[in-house]
Structure formats: structure tokens, C-alpha cells
Amino acid sequence: MAEMLLGLLANRRIIVGLLVNLLSSICIVFINKWIYVHYGFPNMTLTLVHFVITYLGLYICQKMDIFAPKSLPIRKIVWLALSFCGFVAFTNLSLQSNSIGTYQLAKAMTTPVIILIQTTYYKKTFSTKIKLTLVPITLGVILNSYYDVRFNLQGTVFATLGVLVTSLYQVWVGAKQHELQVNSMQLLYYQAPLSSGFLLCVVPLFEPVTGEGGIFGPWSTAALVTVLFSGVVAFLVNLSIYWIIGNTSAVTYNMFGHFKFCITLVGGYVLFHDPLSLNQALGILCTLAGILSYTHFKLMEQEEGENFIMLRSEDSVCTTSSALQTLPNTDVCV
């Protein structure tokens, strides 16, 4: 009886965690788009607000013993913090300049670019099956962009820069976690304030500080509440991703991500009345098929690698740690 109650409690916690991640991940896209469309709040300033609230949230978490902070040398995460600024800023600019469908599909290009970076600069090899899944992903993104009636050069530039910087950031996060022996929350705890400092220096050069459109401008109460709420939601996204990865399987995390991908696309067309042609729909389906195939093959390879480690551990326990480090890294925040 006690075991049954514990099982129900554990399942309830997992369901709550998944729901928090689902709602926060979808809401952050729609809330940010709403802020840009209806309030015209400056992009970099919104990013700065998100960073500050994320740090405050992590500070509260470490005080509640949700994670233990680890002392890190600032010089080793400077470039990571800079790429974090670019990753969030360019992604938000892409959302501001494009339809939600184009924004969401452009993010899917992160996977091919990450593979290109790891192959070129880190000499990492990928199977032919994995490489072939990049074809429908890329083809679908191109098809959707070509037939998007709201296609514009500025949005394309921001989306491209967002994909490039996001890919670099995700590769560096994996490398730094391995190098410094920290988890994502410990790393973000140092990243967030450092990135906030960088943006604080840059914001006055690109956006007004006072007056119309400035952070200290005449904003309505509704606008300020919405901006602060978006910061809290952004923090919940990071916190729930960390919790899901720690308490469920890689399959659950990835498949749940695909579900969120579809819901966000549908929500964009319903809430913001983004036009959708038949060719765009085919592009979306093509990209989704590529993403699902990539996940399927990646998880199969990961499972084969884990089985290989278990077999080898029967002969030598010491080889397990080094072999684990060669497995695919699923701890990726999108």
C-alpha cells in the first residue's frame, strides 16, 4: 500500500512538472510576441529583465537547497555569457520580426548547425542515418520560409544569427559542463548575472533608456506587469527543463518537446492569425518528420551506447565514467 502511494505521488509530481514545462514553454513565446506586438517593449531590455529575474529565481532555489552552487572562475565563462546574450537577444528579435511558425521552424535548424560545428571543429562523427534526417529538417524550413507571406529580410537575418549563436551556445554549454564538472543550473547561476552585466553596458547604446520606448519610459501598468510576468515564466522554463531531465527519461523529454513544438505552431496561427498556405503546412510536416526521425535514431544510438557500457562494466568498473562522456548530450535548453 505504501509503495502504491509513493508511486502515485511520484507520478503526480512528474505530471505536474511536465505541465509546468508545457505551459511555461508555450506561454513564453506567446507572451513575448504579445509584448512586441501590443506594447512595443524594447527587445534587449526585455532580455535583460529575463536575465535578472532568472538569477533572482536561481538565488532563491539555492537558498532552498534545490541545487548547490559551485565556485567558478569568471574568465572561463565570459564567452559563454556573451553567447548567452546573443542567443536570447537574436531569438527574441526573430520572434519579433517573423511569424511564430517561421520563428519556430527556424529554431529547428539549430540541430543541423550543431552537427556541422561538432563535425568541423570538434572532429565528432555522426552516423549516416543521423545526417540523412537533416535533409527533411532543412528542406521543410526552406519550404516554409519561401511561401511565408510575411517573409522579410530583417527577420531572416535575425533568425539566421539566432540559429548560429544558439548552436554555438549549446555546444559551449556541453563543453563547459564537462570541463568545469557542473550541471546546467550551477552554470546558469554564474552566467545570468554576468550576461546581465554585459547587457546593462550595451542596452543604452542601442535602445532608449528614458522617454518613449525606454525602460524608464511612460509604460502602462499592464505593460510592466506583463514584462515581469514574462520574466517569471522564462525562469520557470529553465527550472522545469532541469527538473524534467533529472526525473524522467530522455525519451519523455524529447517527445514532450515535439508536442510543445506542434502546440506552439498551432497557437501562433490561432492567436495571432498568422497566414498558413498548403506549401507552408507541407514544410512544417517535413521538418517535424525530420525532427522525429532524428530523435528516434539518436535515442537508439544512446541506448546501444548504454548497453555497451553495461557490458564493459562487468569487466572493468573504471571504464564506465569515461564511456558515459561519449554519449549524446540531451541536456539542451531550447
Protein backbone atom coordinates (compact mmCIF):
# COMPACT_ATOMS: atom_id res chain seq x y z
CA MET A 1 0.00 0.00 0.00
CA ALA A 2 2.80 2.37 0.97
CA GLU A 3 4.65 1.59 -2.28
CA MET A 4 1.49 2.28 -4.29
CA LEU A 5 1.04 5.67 -2.58
CA LEU A 6 4.67 6.56 -3.23
CA GLY A 7 4.26 5.57 -6.88
CA LEU A 8 1.13 7.70 -7.27
CA LEU A 9 2.87 10.63 -5.57
CA ALA A 10 5.91 10.29 -7.85
CA ASN A 11 3.70 10.11 -10.95
CA ARG A 12 1.73 13.14 -9.79
CA ARG A 13 4.96 15.12 -9.34
CA ILE A 14 6.13 14.14 -12.84
CA ILE A 15 2.77 15.12 -14.35
CA VAL A 16 2.87 18.49 -12.55
CA GLY A 17 6.46 19.05 -13.72
CA LEU A 18 5.54 18.25 -17.32
CA LEU A 19 2.50 20.54 -17.17
CA VAL A 20 4.57 23.41 -15.75
CA ASN A 21 7.11 22.96 -18.55
CA LEU A 22 4.38 22.68 -21.20
CA LEU A 23 2.55 25.81 -20.08
CA SER A 24 5.67 27.91 -19.44
CA SER A 25 7.42 26.91 -22.71
CA ILE A 26 4.37 27.73 -24.80
CA CYS A 27 3.39 30.82 -22.81
CA ILE A 28 6.83 32.45 -23.05
CA VAL A 29 6.59 32.51 -26.86
CA PHE A 30 3.08 33.94 -26.89
CA ILE A 31 3.71 36.43 -24.05
CA ASN A 32 6.88 37.79 -25.69
CA LYS A 33 5.10 38.08 -29.04
CA TRP A 34 2.22 39.89 -27.30
CA ILE A 35 4.66 42.31 -25.64
CA TYR A 36 6.29 43.13 -29.00
CA VAL A 37 3.00 43.46 -30.92
CA HIS A 38 0.87 45.32 -28.36
CA TYR A 39 3.37 47.26 -26.22
CA GLY A 40 6.45 47.64 -28.42
CA PHE A 41 8.73 46.93 -25.46
CA PRO A 42 12.45 47.07 -26.46
CA ASN A 43 13.97 43.66 -27.16
CA MET A 44 17.33 43.87 -25.38
CA THR A 45 15.73 45.45 -22.31
CA LEU A 46 13.24 42.57 -22.14
CA THR A 47 16.17 40.13 -22.37
CA LEU A 48 17.91 41.96 -19.51
CA VAL A 49 14.76 41.73 -17.37
CA HIS A 50 14.62 37.96 -18.05
CA PHE A 51 18.27 37.51 -17.03
CA VAL A 52 17.84 39.42 -13.77
CA ILE A 53 14.68 37.51 -12.80
CA THR A 54 16.36 34.21 -13.72
CA TYR A 55 19.28 34.99 -11.43
CA LEU A 56 16.95 36.02 -8.57
CA GLY A 57 14.98 32.80 -9.06
CA LEU A 58 18.16 30.69 -9.01
CA TYR A 59 19.33 32.53 -5.88
CA ILE A 60 16.08 31.58 -4.14
CA CYS A 61 16.45 27.98 -5.39
CA GLN A 62 19.95 27.60 -3.96
CA LYS A 63 18.75 29.05 -0.64
CA MET A 64 16.05 26.37 -0.65
CA ASP A 65 18.75 23.71 -1.34
CA ILE A 66 17.29 22.82 -4.74
CA PHE A 67 20.86 22.89 -6.05
CA ALA A 68 24.29 23.63 -4.58
CA PRO A 69 26.24 26.49 -6.21
CA LYS A 70 29.81 25.77 -7.21
CA SER A 71 32.55 28.40 -7.33
CA LEU A 72 33.61 29.00 -10.94
CA PRO A 73 36.39 31.19 -12.40
CA ILE A 74 34.68 34.07 -14.22
CA ARG A 75 37.27 34.13 -17.03
CA LYS A 76 36.25 30.59 -18.05
CA ILE A 77 32.61 31.52 -18.69
CA VAL A 78 32.97 35.02 -20.19
CA TRP A 79 32.49 33.85 -23.80
CA LEU A 80 29.66 31.58 -22.72
CA ALA A 81 27.90 34.53 -21.04
CA LEU A 82 28.37 36.67 -24.17
CA SER A 83 26.94 33.93 -26.39
CA PHE A 84 24.03 33.61 -23.94
CA CYS A 85 23.24 37.30 -24.51
CA GLY A 86 23.32 36.85 -28.28
CA PHE A 87 21.34 33.60 -28.17
CA VAL A 88 18.41 35.11 -26.24
CA ALA A 89 18.52 38.55 -27.91
CA PHE A 90 18.62 37.27 -31.51
CA THR A 91 16.00 34.60 -30.79
CA ASN A 92 13.68 37.29 -29.41
CA LEU A 93 14.41 39.56 -32.39
CA SER A 94 13.49 36.66 -34.68
CA LEU A 95 10.21 36.24 -32.79
CA GLN A 96 9.59 39.98 -33.03
CA SER A 97 10.24 40.13 -36.80
CA ASN A 98 8.75 36.82 -38.01
CA SER A 99 5.52 34.89 -37.75
CA ILE A 100 5.51 32.32 -34.94
CA GLY A 101 5.56 29.49 -37.49
CA THR A 102 8.70 30.78 -39.21
CA TYR A 103 10.30 31.58 -35.83
CA GLN A 104 9.60 28.08 -34.51
CA LEU A 105 10.80 26.29 -37.65
CA ALA A 106 13.97 28.41 -37.83
CA LYS A 107 14.87 27.12 -34.37
CA ALA A 108 14.80 23.58 -35.79
CA MET A 109 17.87 24.50 -37.86
CA THR A 110 19.88 24.54 -34.63
CA THR A 111 20.32 20.75 -34.85
CA PRO A 112 22.00 20.72 -38.32
CA VAL A 113 24.24 23.65 -37.36
CA ILE A 114 25.30 21.99 -34.09
CA ILE A 115 26.22 18.83 -36.01
CA LEU A 116 28.20 20.94 -38.51
CA ILE A 117 30.11 22.71 -35.70
CA GLN A 118 30.85 19.48 -33.83
CA THR A 119 31.98 17.74 -37.03
CA THR A 120 34.17 20.62 -38.23
CA TYR A 121 35.76 21.90 -35.02
CA TYR A 122 35.42 19.05 -32.53
CA LYS A 123 36.02 16.18 -35.01
CA LYS A 124 32.93 14.39 -33.74
CA THR A 125 31.44 11.76 -36.06
CA PHE A 126 27.74 11.10 -36.72
CA SER A 127 26.09 8.11 -38.36
CA THR A 128 24.71 8.32 -41.89
CA LYS A 129 21.15 7.89 -40.52
CA ILE A 130 21.55 10.97 -38.32
CA LYS A 131 22.95 13.02 -41.21
CA LEU A 132 20.09 11.99 -43.53
CA THR A 133 17.47 13.25 -41.03
CA LEU A 134 18.89 16.76 -41.53
CA VAL A 135 17.64 16.79 -45.14
CA PRO A 136 13.88 16.94 -44.35
CA ILE A 137 14.52 19.36 -41.46
CA THR A 138 16.38 21.80 -43.73
CA LEU A 139 14.03 21.29 -46.69
CA GLY A 140 10.96 21.93 -44.52
CA VAL A 141 12.39 25.17 -43.09
CA ILE A 142 13.27 26.45 -46.59
CA LEU A 143 9.82 25.49 -47.93
CA ASN A 144 8.01 27.27 -45.10
CA SER A 145 10.16 30.41 -45.35
CA TYR A 146 9.80 30.62 -49.14
CA TYR A 147 6.00 30.53 -49.01
CA ASP A 148 5.60 32.66 -45.85
CA VAL A 149 3.72 35.81 -46.92
CA ARG A 150 5.32 37.68 -44.00
CA PHE A 151 8.82 36.70 -45.12
CA ASN A 152 11.22 39.65 -44.76
CA LEU A 153 14.98 40.15 -44.99
CA GLN A 154 15.36 41.58 -41.49
CA GLY A 155 13.52 38.64 -39.92
CA THR A 156 15.63 36.20 -41.92
CA VAL A 157 18.87 37.84 -40.77
CA PHE A 158 17.78 37.74 -37.11
CA ALA A 159 16.62 34.12 -37.42
CA THR A 160 19.94 33.12 -39.04
CA LEU A 161 22.01 34.89 -36.40
CA GLY A 162 19.80 33.36 -33.70
CA VAL A 163 20.42 29.84 -35.03
CA LEU A 164 24.20 30.38 -35.33
CA VAL A 165 24.64 31.88 -31.86
CA THR A 166 22.24 29.39 -30.25
CA SER A 167 24.17 26.49 -31.80
CA LEU A 168 27.48 27.87 -30.52
CA TYR A 169 25.98 28.42 -27.09
CA GLN A 170 24.60 24.89 -26.84
CA VAL A 171 27.91 23.36 -27.95
CA TRP A 172 29.84 25.51 -25.45
CA VAL A 173 27.40 24.71 -22.63
CA GLY A 174 28.05 20.99 -23.10
CA ALA A 175 31.81 21.57 -23.24
CA LYS A 176 31.82 23.83 -20.15
CA GLN A 177 29.66 21.48 -18.10
CA HIS A 178 32.16 18.73 -18.85
CA GLU A 179 35.22 20.93 -18.29
CA LEU A 180 34.00 22.53 -15.02
CA GLN A 181 32.07 19.47 -13.79
CA VAL A 182 28.84 21.38 -13.15
CA ASN A 183 25.18 20.92 -14.07
CA SER A 184 23.06 23.37 -16.05
CA MET A 185 21.68 25.22 -13.00
CA GLN A 186 25.12 25.69 -11.44
CA LEU A 187 26.40 27.08 -14.72
CA LEU A 188 23.38 29.34 -15.27
CA TYR A 189 23.74 30.68 -11.71
CA TYR A 190 27.02 32.33 -12.79
CA GLN A 191 26.03 33.00 -16.39
CA ALA A 192 22.87 35.00 -15.68
CA PRO A 193 24.41 37.86 -13.63
CA LEU A 194 27.44 38.06 -15.93
CA SER A 195 25.20 38.24 -19.01
CA SER A 196 23.06 40.87 -17.23
CA GLY A 197 26.18 42.98 -16.69
CA PHE A 198 27.13 42.78 -20.37
CA LEU A 199 23.62 43.75 -21.50
CA LEU A 200 23.47 46.60 -18.97
CA CYS A 201 26.50 48.14 -20.69
CA VAL A 202 25.15 47.59 -24.20
CA VAL A 203 21.43 48.48 -23.84
CA PRO A 204 21.97 52.30 -23.63
CA LEU A 205 23.89 52.17 -26.94
CA PHE A 206 21.06 50.53 -28.90
CA GLU A 207 17.84 51.36 -27.04
CA PRO A 208 16.49 54.46 -25.29
CA VAL A 209 16.70 54.46 -21.51
CA THR A 210 14.15 57.19 -20.82
CA GLY A 211 11.28 58.68 -22.81
CA GLU A 212 9.09 56.90 -25.35
CA GLY A 213 10.18 53.28 -25.78
CA GLY A 214 12.79 53.41 -22.99
CA ILE A 215 12.89 51.12 -19.96
CA PHE A 216 12.12 54.11 -17.71
CA GLY A 217 9.57 55.48 -20.17
CA PRO A 218 5.84 56.03 -19.60
CA TRP A 219 4.79 52.37 -19.68
CA SER A 220 1.32 51.36 -18.58
CA THR A 221 0.86 49.18 -15.51
CA ALA A 222 -0.41 46.37 -17.74
CA ALA A 223 2.78 46.51 -19.86
CA LEU A 224 5.09 46.39 -16.83
CA VAL A 225 3.15 43.55 -15.19
CA THR A 226 3.25 41.56 -18.45
CA VAL A 227 7.02 42.11 -18.81
CA LEU A 228 7.68 40.98 -15.22
CA PHE A 229 5.37 38.01 -15.70
CA SER A 230 7.28 37.00 -18.85
CA GLY A 231 10.49 37.05 -16.79
CA VAL A 232 8.97 34.69 -14.21
CA VAL A 233 7.72 32.38 -16.97
CA ALA A 234 11.19 32.40 -18.61
CA PHE A 235 12.69 31.28 -15.29
CA LEU A 236 10.07 28.52 -14.94
CA VAL A 237 11.05 27.24 -18.41
CA ASN A 238 14.69 26.79 -17.32
CA LEU A 239 13.77 25.33 -13.93
CA SER A 240 11.24 22.84 -15.33
CA ILE A 241 13.60 21.67 -18.10
CA TYR A 242 16.24 20.92 -15.47
CA TRP A 243 13.68 19.07 -13.33
CA ILE A 244 12.28 17.02 -16.24
CA ILE A 245 15.74 15.90 -17.38
CA GLY A 246 16.57 14.86 -13.82
CA ASN A 247 13.32 12.98 -13.15
CA THR A 248 12.25 11.41 -16.46
CA SER A 249 13.87 9.65 -19.38
CA ALA A 250 15.44 11.15 -22.49
CA VAL A 251 12.52 9.73 -24.50
CA THR A 252 9.98 11.62 -22.36
CA TYR A 253 11.95 14.85 -22.60
CA ASN A 254 12.33 14.68 -26.39
CA MET A 255 8.81 13.53 -27.23
CA PHE A 256 7.35 16.15 -24.92
CA GLY A 257 9.44 18.71 -26.79
CA HIS A 258 7.86 17.65 -30.10
CA PHE A 259 4.40 18.03 -28.58
CA LYS A 260 5.24 21.59 -27.47
CA PHE A 261 6.60 22.32 -30.96
CA CYS A 262 3.24 21.42 -32.54
CA ILE A 263 1.14 23.25 -29.92
CA THR A 264 3.23 26.44 -30.35
CA LEU A 265 2.77 26.35 -34.12
CA VAL A 266 -0.99 25.88 -33.85
CA GLY A 267 -1.25 28.58 -31.18
CA GLY A 268 0.58 31.07 -33.40
CA TYR A 269 -1.90 30.61 -36.22
CA VAL A 270 -4.92 30.77 -33.87
CA LEU A 271 -3.91 33.64 -31.55
CA PHE A 272 -2.03 35.89 -33.97
CA HIS A 273 -3.86 34.89 -37.16
CA ASP A 274 -0.62 34.05 -38.96
CA PRO A 275 -1.47 33.01 -42.55
CA LEU A 276 -0.78 29.38 -43.45
CA SER A 277 -0.61 28.10 -47.03
CA LEU A 278 -0.65 24.47 -48.13
CA ASN A 279 3.06 24.65 -49.04
CA GLN A 280 3.90 26.03 -45.59
CA ALA A 281 1.94 23.18 -43.98
CA LEU A 282 3.94 20.69 -46.07
CA GLY A 283 7.14 22.40 -44.93
CA ILE A 284 6.09 22.10 -41.28
CA LEU A 285 5.24 18.41 -41.68
CA CYS A 286 8.55 17.82 -43.48
CA THR A 287 10.53 19.47 -40.67
CA LEU A 288 8.55 17.62 -37.99
CA ALA A 289 9.21 14.28 -39.75
CA GLY A 290 12.94 15.08 -39.77
CA ILE A 291 12.92 16.03 -36.07
CA LEU A 292 11.07 12.85 -35.09
CA SER A 293 13.46 10.72 -37.18
CA TYR A 294 16.49 12.44 -35.67
CA THR A 295 15.19 11.83 -32.13
CA HIS A 296 14.40 8.19 -32.89
CA PHE A 297 17.86 7.40 -34.27
CA LYS A 298 19.64 9.46 -31.61
CA LEU A 299 17.88 7.66 -28.77
CA MET A 300 18.55 4.27 -30.40
CA GLU A 301 22.27 5.08 -30.58
CA GLN A 302 22.23 6.30 -26.99
CA GLU A 303 20.56 3.08 -25.82
CA GLU A 304 23.12 0.99 -27.74
CA GLY A 305 25.91 3.01 -26.11
CA GLU A 306 24.45 2.44 -22.63
CA ASN A 307 24.16 -1.30 -23.28
CA PHE A 308 27.79 -1.32 -24.42
CA ILE A 309 28.83 0.44 -21.20
CA MET A 310 26.92 -2.08 -19.07
CA LEU A 311 28.66 -4.98 -20.82
CA ARG A 312 32.08 -3.44 -20.38
CA SER A 313 31.42 -2.57 -16.73
CA GLU A 314 31.24 -6.28 -15.96
CA ASP A 315 34.93 -6.46 -16.88
CA SER A 316 36.09 -3.11 -15.53
CA VAL A 317 34.16 -0.59 -13.43
CA CYS A 318 36.77 2.11 -14.14
CA THR A 319 35.82 2.36 -17.83
CA THR A 320 32.21 3.37 -17.14
CA SER A 321 32.87 7.04 -16.35
CA SER A 322 34.90 7.75 -19.48
CA ALA A 323 32.49 5.86 -21.73
CA LEU A 324 29.48 7.79 -20.40
CA GLN A 325 31.08 11.04 -21.50
CA THR A 326 30.90 9.93 -25.15
CA LEU A 327 27.10 9.54 -25.13
CA PRO A 328 24.87 12.18 -26.77
CA ASN A 329 24.09 15.14 -24.52
CA THR A 330 20.33 15.55 -24.09
CA ASP A 331 20.62 18.41 -21.61
CA VAL A 332 19.85 21.14 -24.13
CA CYS A 333 17.68 24.13 -23.29
CA VAL A 334 15.74 25.47 -26.38
